[in-house]
Protein backbone atom coordinates (compact mmCIF):
# COMPACT_ATOMS: atom_id res chain seq x y z
CA MET A 1 -8.08 20.84 5.63
CA ARG A 2 -5.47 19.34 7.94
CA ARG A 3 -1.92 19.59 6.61
CA SER A 4 0.29 16.51 6.25
CA ASP A 5 3.17 17.92 8.28
CA TYR A 6 1.00 19.06 11.20
CA ASP A 7 -0.37 17.39 14.31
CA VAL A 8 -3.95 16.24 14.90
CA THR A 9 -5.03 19.80 15.74
CA ASP A 10 -3.41 21.24 12.59
CA ARG A 11 -1.65 23.79 14.78
CA ILE A 12 1.84 22.41 15.36
CA ARG A 13 4.24 21.37 12.62
CA THR A 14 5.54 17.94 13.59
CA THR A 15 8.46 18.21 11.20
CA SER A 16 9.72 21.13 13.29
CA ALA A 17 11.47 20.24 16.53
CA ASP A 18 11.34 23.91 17.52
CA GLU A 19 7.54 24.05 17.28
CA VAL A 20 7.05 20.80 19.18
CA GLU A 21 9.58 21.85 21.82
CA ALA A 22 7.81 25.19 22.29
CA GLU A 23 4.47 23.46 22.86
CA VAL A 24 5.95 20.90 25.24
CA LEU A 25 7.66 23.65 27.23
CA ARG A 26 4.41 25.64 27.30
CA LEU A 27 2.59 22.65 28.82
CA PHE A 28 5.42 22.03 31.28
CA HIS A 29 5.56 25.62 32.53
CA ALA A 30 1.77 25.81 32.79
CA LEU A 31 1.90 22.86 35.19
CA TYR A 32 5.15 23.72 36.99
CA ASP A 33 5.65 27.44 36.87
CA SER A 34 9.01 27.63 38.62
CA ALA A 35 10.51 24.24 37.77
CA PRO A 36 13.68 24.24 35.63
CA ALA A 37 13.34 22.87 32.10
CA LYS A 38 17.04 22.59 31.29
CA GLY A 39 16.85 18.82 30.78
CA LEU A 40 13.99 19.16 28.29
CA VAL A 41 15.74 21.84 26.25
CA ARG A 42 18.96 19.87 26.04
CA ALA A 43 17.14 16.65 25.13
CA PHE A 44 15.43 18.32 22.15
CA THR A 45 18.77 19.72 20.99
CA ASP A 46 20.55 16.39 21.35
CA MET A 47 17.80 14.45 19.60
CA GLN A 48 18.01 16.75 16.58
CA ARG A 49 21.79 16.48 16.39
CA LEU A 50 21.68 12.70 16.61
CA TYR A 51 18.90 12.25 14.06
CA ARG A 52 20.63 14.63 11.63
CA GLY A 53 23.88 12.66 11.90
CA GLU A 54 25.78 15.44 13.68
CA HIS A 55 27.19 13.08 16.33
CA SER A 56 30.56 11.43 15.88
CA ASP A 57 29.25 8.00 16.94
CA TYR A 58 26.02 7.70 14.96
CA HIS A 59 24.78 7.92 11.39
CA ALA A 60 21.79 10.11 10.62
CA CYS A 61 18.38 8.48 10.86
CA ASP A 62 17.74 6.46 7.68
CA THR A 63 14.41 4.82 8.53
CA ALA A 64 11.76 6.62 6.49
CA TYR A 65 8.81 5.53 8.65
CA HIS A 66 10.46 5.76 12.07
CA ASP A 67 11.80 9.22 11.28
CA THR A 68 12.07 12.54 13.06
CA GLN A 69 8.44 13.45 12.38
CA HIS A 70 7.30 10.23 14.04
CA VAL A 71 9.49 10.93 17.08
CA LEU A 72 8.18 14.49 17.42
CA ASP A 73 4.58 13.39 16.91
CA VAL A 74 4.93 10.80 19.69
CA THR A 75 6.67 13.32 21.95
CA LEU A 76 3.87 15.85 21.49
CA ALA A 77 1.23 13.19 22.18
CA MET A 78 3.15 12.09 25.27
CA ALA A 79 3.31 15.63 26.66
CA ARG A 80 -0.44 15.99 26.13
CA LEU A 81 -1.15 12.72 27.95
CA LEU A 82 1.05 13.84 30.84
CA ASP A 83 -0.75 17.18 30.93
CA GLY A 84 -4.16 15.48 30.87
CA TYR A 85 -3.11 13.17 33.70
CA ALA A 86 -1.82 16.03 35.85
CA ARG A 87 -4.89 18.22 35.29
CA GLY A 88 -7.42 15.45 35.80
CA ARG A 89 -5.68 13.49 38.55
CA ARG A 90 -8.17 11.86 40.85
CA ASN A 91 -7.82 11.44 44.60
CA GLY A 92 -5.48 8.61 45.43
CA ALA A 93 -3.66 8.65 42.08
CA PRO A 94 0.09 9.30 42.35
CA VAL A 95 1.30 12.86 41.81
CA LEU A 96 3.07 13.70 38.54
CA ALA A 97 6.13 15.64 39.69
CA PRO A 98 8.15 17.88 37.32
CA GLU A 99 10.87 15.24 37.01
CA HIS A 100 8.26 12.69 35.94
CA PHE A 101 7.10 14.98 33.15
CA VAL A 102 10.70 15.55 32.02
CA LEU A 103 11.53 11.84 32.07
CA GLY A 104 8.37 10.96 30.16
CA VAL A 105 9.16 13.47 27.40
CA ILE A 106 12.80 12.39 27.18
CA ALA A 107 11.72 8.75 26.92
CA ALA A 108 9.43 9.74 24.03
CA LEU A 109 12.18 11.70 22.28
CA PHE A 110 14.48 8.67 22.35
CA HIS A 111 11.97 5.80 22.24
CA ASP A 112 13.08 4.80 18.71
CA PHE A 113 16.72 5.74 19.06
CA GLY A 114 17.62 2.07 18.66
CA TYR A 115 17.06 2.40 14.90
CA LEU A 116 20.11 4.67 14.54
CA ARG A 117 23.25 2.91 13.30
CA ARG A 118 26.67 3.41 14.82
CA ARG A 119 29.28 4.74 12.42
CA ARG A 120 31.50 1.76 13.05
CA ASP A 121 28.68 -0.62 12.09
CA ARG A 122 29.70 -2.46 8.90
CA ARG A 123 27.09 -5.23 9.07
CA HIS A 124 23.90 -3.23 8.66
CA GLY A 125 23.02 -0.97 5.78
CA ASN A 126 19.84 0.52 7.24
CA GLY A 127 18.48 1.08 10.73
CA ALA A 128 15.36 -0.95 9.93
CA GLU A 129 17.51 -4.05 10.21
CA TYR A 130 17.51 -3.42 13.96
CA THR A 131 13.70 -3.57 14.21
CA LEU A 132 13.55 -6.68 16.37
CA ILE A 133 16.08 -5.34 18.89
CA HIS A 134 15.69 -1.58 18.58
CA ILE A 135 13.98 -1.23 21.99
CA ALA A 136 16.88 -2.87 23.82
CA ARG A 137 19.38 -0.73 21.89
CA GLY A 138 17.43 2.43 22.68
CA ALA A 139 17.13 1.51 26.34
CA ALA A 140 20.89 1.01 26.60
CA PHE A 141 21.48 4.43 25.05
CA LEU A 142 18.89 6.14 27.26
CA ARG A 143 20.44 4.66 30.39
CA ARG A 144 23.81 6.23 29.48
CA TYR A 145 22.26 9.47 28.31
CA LEU A 146 20.31 10.14 31.51
CA HIS A 147 23.50 9.70 33.51
CA ASP A 148 25.05 12.40 31.29
CA LEU A 149 22.07 14.65 32.03
CA GLY A 150 22.60 14.22 35.77
CA MET A 151 19.46 12.11 36.13
CA GLY A 152 21.25 8.85 36.76
CA GLN A 153 19.15 7.93 39.80
CA LEU A 154 16.18 7.26 37.50
CA ALA A 155 18.10 6.13 34.43
CA SER A 156 17.48 2.40 34.75
CA ILE A 157 13.75 2.61 35.41
CA THR A 158 13.24 5.19 32.62
CA ALA A 159 15.11 3.00 30.15
CA VAL A 160 12.76 0.13 30.97
CA LEU A 161 9.80 2.35 29.99
CA LEU A 162 10.79 2.04 26.33
CA HIS A 163 9.60 -1.57 26.39
CA TYR A 164 6.03 -0.28 26.66
CA THR A 165 6.38 0.84 23.02
CA GLY A 166 7.48 -2.51 21.57
CA TYR A 167 7.10 -6.25 21.58
CA GLU A 168 10.58 -7.39 22.59
CA ARG A 169 9.27 -7.86 26.11
CA PRO A 170 5.60 -8.45 26.98
CA VAL A 171 4.21 -5.48 28.90
CA GLU A 172 2.90 -7.91 31.51
CA ALA A 173 6.50 -8.97 32.17
CA ILE A 174 7.73 -5.42 32.83
CA ARG A 175 8.30 -5.14 36.55
CA ILE A 176 8.05 -1.55 37.83
CA SER A 177 7.01 -1.12 41.45
CA ASP A 178 6.67 2.67 41.26
CA ALA A 179 3.01 3.31 40.33
CA MET A 180 3.70 6.70 38.72
CA MET A 181 6.55 5.41 36.56
CA ARG A 182 4.44 2.43 35.52
CA ARG A 183 1.66 4.78 34.43
CA ILE A 184 4.16 6.90 32.51
CA GLY A 185 5.26 3.75 30.70
CA GLN A 186 1.64 3.04 29.77
CA MET A 187 1.30 6.61 28.51
CA LEU A 188 4.45 6.20 26.42
CA GLY A 189 3.17 3.02 24.80
CA THR A 190 -0.14 4.77 24.17
CA ALA A 191 1.48 7.87 22.66
CA ASP A 192 3.44 5.68 20.25
CA ILE A 193 0.25 4.05 18.94
CA ILE A 194 -2.10 7.02 18.81
CA ALA A 195 0.44 9.40 17.28
CA GLN A 196 1.32 7.22 14.32
CA MET A 197 -2.17 5.84 13.66
CA SER A 198 -3.69 9.35 13.69
CA ASP A 199 -1.10 10.74 11.25
CA ARG A 200 -2.86 12.25 8.25
CA CYS A 201 -0.58 10.19 5.96
CA TYR A 202 -0.59 7.02 8.08
CA LEU A 203 -1.82 4.72 5.31
CA GLU A 204 0.55 6.15 2.72
CA LYS A 205 3.41 5.75 5.17
CA CYS A 206 2.43 2.13 5.85
CA ARG A 207 2.40 1.36 2.14
CA ASP A 208 5.51 3.25 1.05
CA ARG A 209 7.70 3.36 4.16
CA LEU A 210 6.74 0.82 6.81
CA TYR A 211 6.51 -2.14 4.43
CA PRO A 212 10.07 -1.58 3.10
CA GLU A 213 11.26 -1.42 6.72
CA PHE A 214 9.55 -4.76 7.37
CA VAL A 215 11.35 -6.25 4.37
CA LEU A 216 14.73 -4.96 5.58
CA ALA A 217 13.97 -6.27 9.07
CA GLY A 218 13.10 -9.71 7.71
CA ILE A 219 9.59 -9.68 9.16
CA ALA A 220 7.55 -9.37 5.97
CA GLN A 221 8.02 -13.15 5.89
CA ARG A 222 8.78 -15.66 8.61
CA LYS A 223 10.32 -19.11 8.69
CA LEU A 224 8.13 -21.97 9.88
CA PRO A 225 9.20 -25.31 11.33
CA GLY A 226 10.25 -27.57 8.52
CA GLY A 227 11.81 -24.77 6.50
CA ARG A 228 8.65 -23.40 4.92
CA THR A 229 8.16 -19.63 4.63
CA GLU A 230 4.97 -17.79 5.55
CA THR A 231 4.29 -14.40 4.00
CA MET A 232 3.07 -11.95 6.62
CA PHE A 233 2.82 -8.96 4.29
CA ALA A 234 3.02 -9.48 0.55
CA SER A 235 3.30 -5.80 -0.35
CA GLY A 236 2.72 -2.29 0.91
CA GLU A 237 -0.86 -2.52 -0.33
CA ASP A 238 -1.33 -5.74 1.62
CA LEU A 239 -0.12 -3.98 4.76
CA VAL A 240 -2.72 -1.25 4.22
CA HIS A 241 -5.47 -3.84 3.71
CA LYS A 242 -4.51 -5.45 7.02
CA THR A 243 -4.65 -2.15 8.91
CA PRO A 244 -8.24 -2.69 10.22
CA GLY A 245 -7.12 -5.99 11.77
CA PHE A 246 -4.10 -4.31 13.31
CA TYR A 247 -6.37 -1.58 14.66
CA GLN A 248 -8.41 -4.19 16.53
CA THR A 249 -5.22 -5.59 18.06
CA ALA A 250 -3.95 -2.09 18.88
CA SER A 251 -7.29 -1.17 20.46
CA ARG A 252 -7.11 -4.17 22.78
CA ARG A 253 -3.56 -3.23 23.70
CA LEU A 254 -4.63 0.36 24.40
CA ASP A 255 -7.61 -0.73 26.51
CA GLU A 256 -6.28 -3.72 28.39
CA VAL A 257 -2.48 -3.67 28.47
CA LEU A 258 -1.97 0.10 28.52
CA VAL A 259 -5.08 0.60 30.69
CA ARG A 260 -6.82 3.32 28.66
CA ALA A 261 -4.11 5.91 29.13
CA TYR A 262 -5.54 7.56 26.00
CA ASP A 263 -8.30 8.98 28.23
CA TYR A 264 -5.79 11.62 29.33
CA ALA A 265 -5.86 13.08 25.81
CA GLU A 266 -9.57 13.74 26.27
CA ARG A 267 -8.83 15.56 29.52
CA HIS A 268 -6.10 17.58 27.81
CA PHE A 269 -8.40 18.63 24.97
CA GLY A 270 -11.30 19.43 27.28
CA GLY A 271 -13.61 16.54 26.43
CA GLN A 272 -12.65 15.57 22.88
CA ASN A 273 -10.17 12.83 22.01
CA VAL A 274 -8.82 14.08 18.71
CA TYR A 275 -6.30 11.25 18.45
CA LEU A 276 -8.90 8.50 18.57
CA GLU A 277 -11.11 10.34 16.10
CA GLU A 278 -8.28 10.64 13.56
CA MET A 279 -7.26 7.02 14.08
CA GLN A 280 -10.80 5.89 13.32
CA LYS A 281 -10.88 7.98 10.13
CA ASN A 282 -7.76 6.22 8.89
CA VAL A 283 -9.16 2.80 9.72
CA ARG A 284 -12.45 3.52 7.97
CA HIS A 285 -10.55 4.55 4.86
CA ALA A 286 -8.44 1.38 5.06
CA GLU A 287 -11.63 -0.68 5.28
CA ILE A 288 -12.91 0.95 2.09
CA LEU A 289 -9.61 0.24 0.34
CA ALA A 290 -9.64 -3.39 1.52
CA LYS A 291 -13.06 -3.91 -0.05
CA SER A 292 -11.97 -2.40 -3.34
CA LEU A 293 -8.67 -4.38 -3.25
CA GLY A 294 -6.77 -1.33 -4.33
CA ALA A 295 -4.72 1.46 -2.80
CA GLY A 296 -5.04 3.90 -5.67
CA ASP A 297 -6.91 6.41 -3.53
CA LEU A 298 -3.86 6.91 -1.33
CA ARG A 299 -2.45 10.04 -2.91
CA ARG A 300 -1.33 12.15 0.03
CA GLN A 301 2.33 13.10 0.04
CA PRO A 302 3.97 12.55 3.44
CA PRO A 303 6.74 15.00 4.29
CA ILE A 304 10.31 13.73 4.28
CA SER A 305 12.22 14.42 7.47
CA LEU A 306 15.37 12.43 6.64
CA THR A 307 18.57 14.22 5.73
CA ALA A 308 19.13 14.61 1.99
CA SER A 309 21.92 12.03 2.01
CA ALA A 310 19.86 9.45 3.92
CA ALA A 311 16.88 9.98 1.61
CA ALA A 312 19.12 9.61 -1.45
CA ALA A 313 20.61 6.39 -0.10
CA LEU A 314 17.11 4.96 0.41
CA ALA A 315 16.13 5.93 -3.13
CA ILE A 316 19.15 4.07 -4.47
CA ARG A 317 18.20 0.95 -2.49
């Protein structure tokens, strides 16, 4: 049986940055034997320090859904998509150079960085309150960070890639002339969707972690013209019941907007798309729960990857 803190193959612990880093580096070196991986190694180290609150400018991650496990799961999925693209590249498709692989992985590692609060922030009590602007915040950080890594020449375009993971800017409005970077952006948006929706505890996380983030972000309800309020999600259970509808929307986004970049996972795995299979299992279970109007069958225990202090603060809230 697949374990709750492991990836879709049940081989790599996605609560362990060391295990995910080792697999990403293995894929990188298999593609680019002699290319330096210094930027990748440092990015994994810096991500861990930042998410643990070991940086003087930022609090530790305090969003229970958009946590370290989510980041590592997306990063692993992204590396696999990049590997599948490189190994199955067809004639005429742009070449995935080593720096493209590195930039794609770094973008995945920091795609949700915008949820982290600055220490001087006195207005917000939880990173989820940044939900509606977290992409722009993360992009601003990534732009600065890549300059620090000595990759400043591609900092601006890489920062723009984060918008493929969110809804602050329509994907159709993202202007990237470089065909390879545009495809990397589509892979990043794809990795974000397939990693979280294939998580063994996806439905439990939606009920117990994502819904509270929506409440803190002010998007569980929305104001209508005239001052009326419309409830988008009445509870965590309601969010679970609406998962099949979200899956239909996500599938269209994956197919049409992100141009089936998930096909690269099939190439990586040698003909089987494990991510899509696990996503569909979760959706089928959500459909069963929606018919029974209950979420009592959701009993899996998702791992906690927040620091002890951040988890305690959430429990108090």
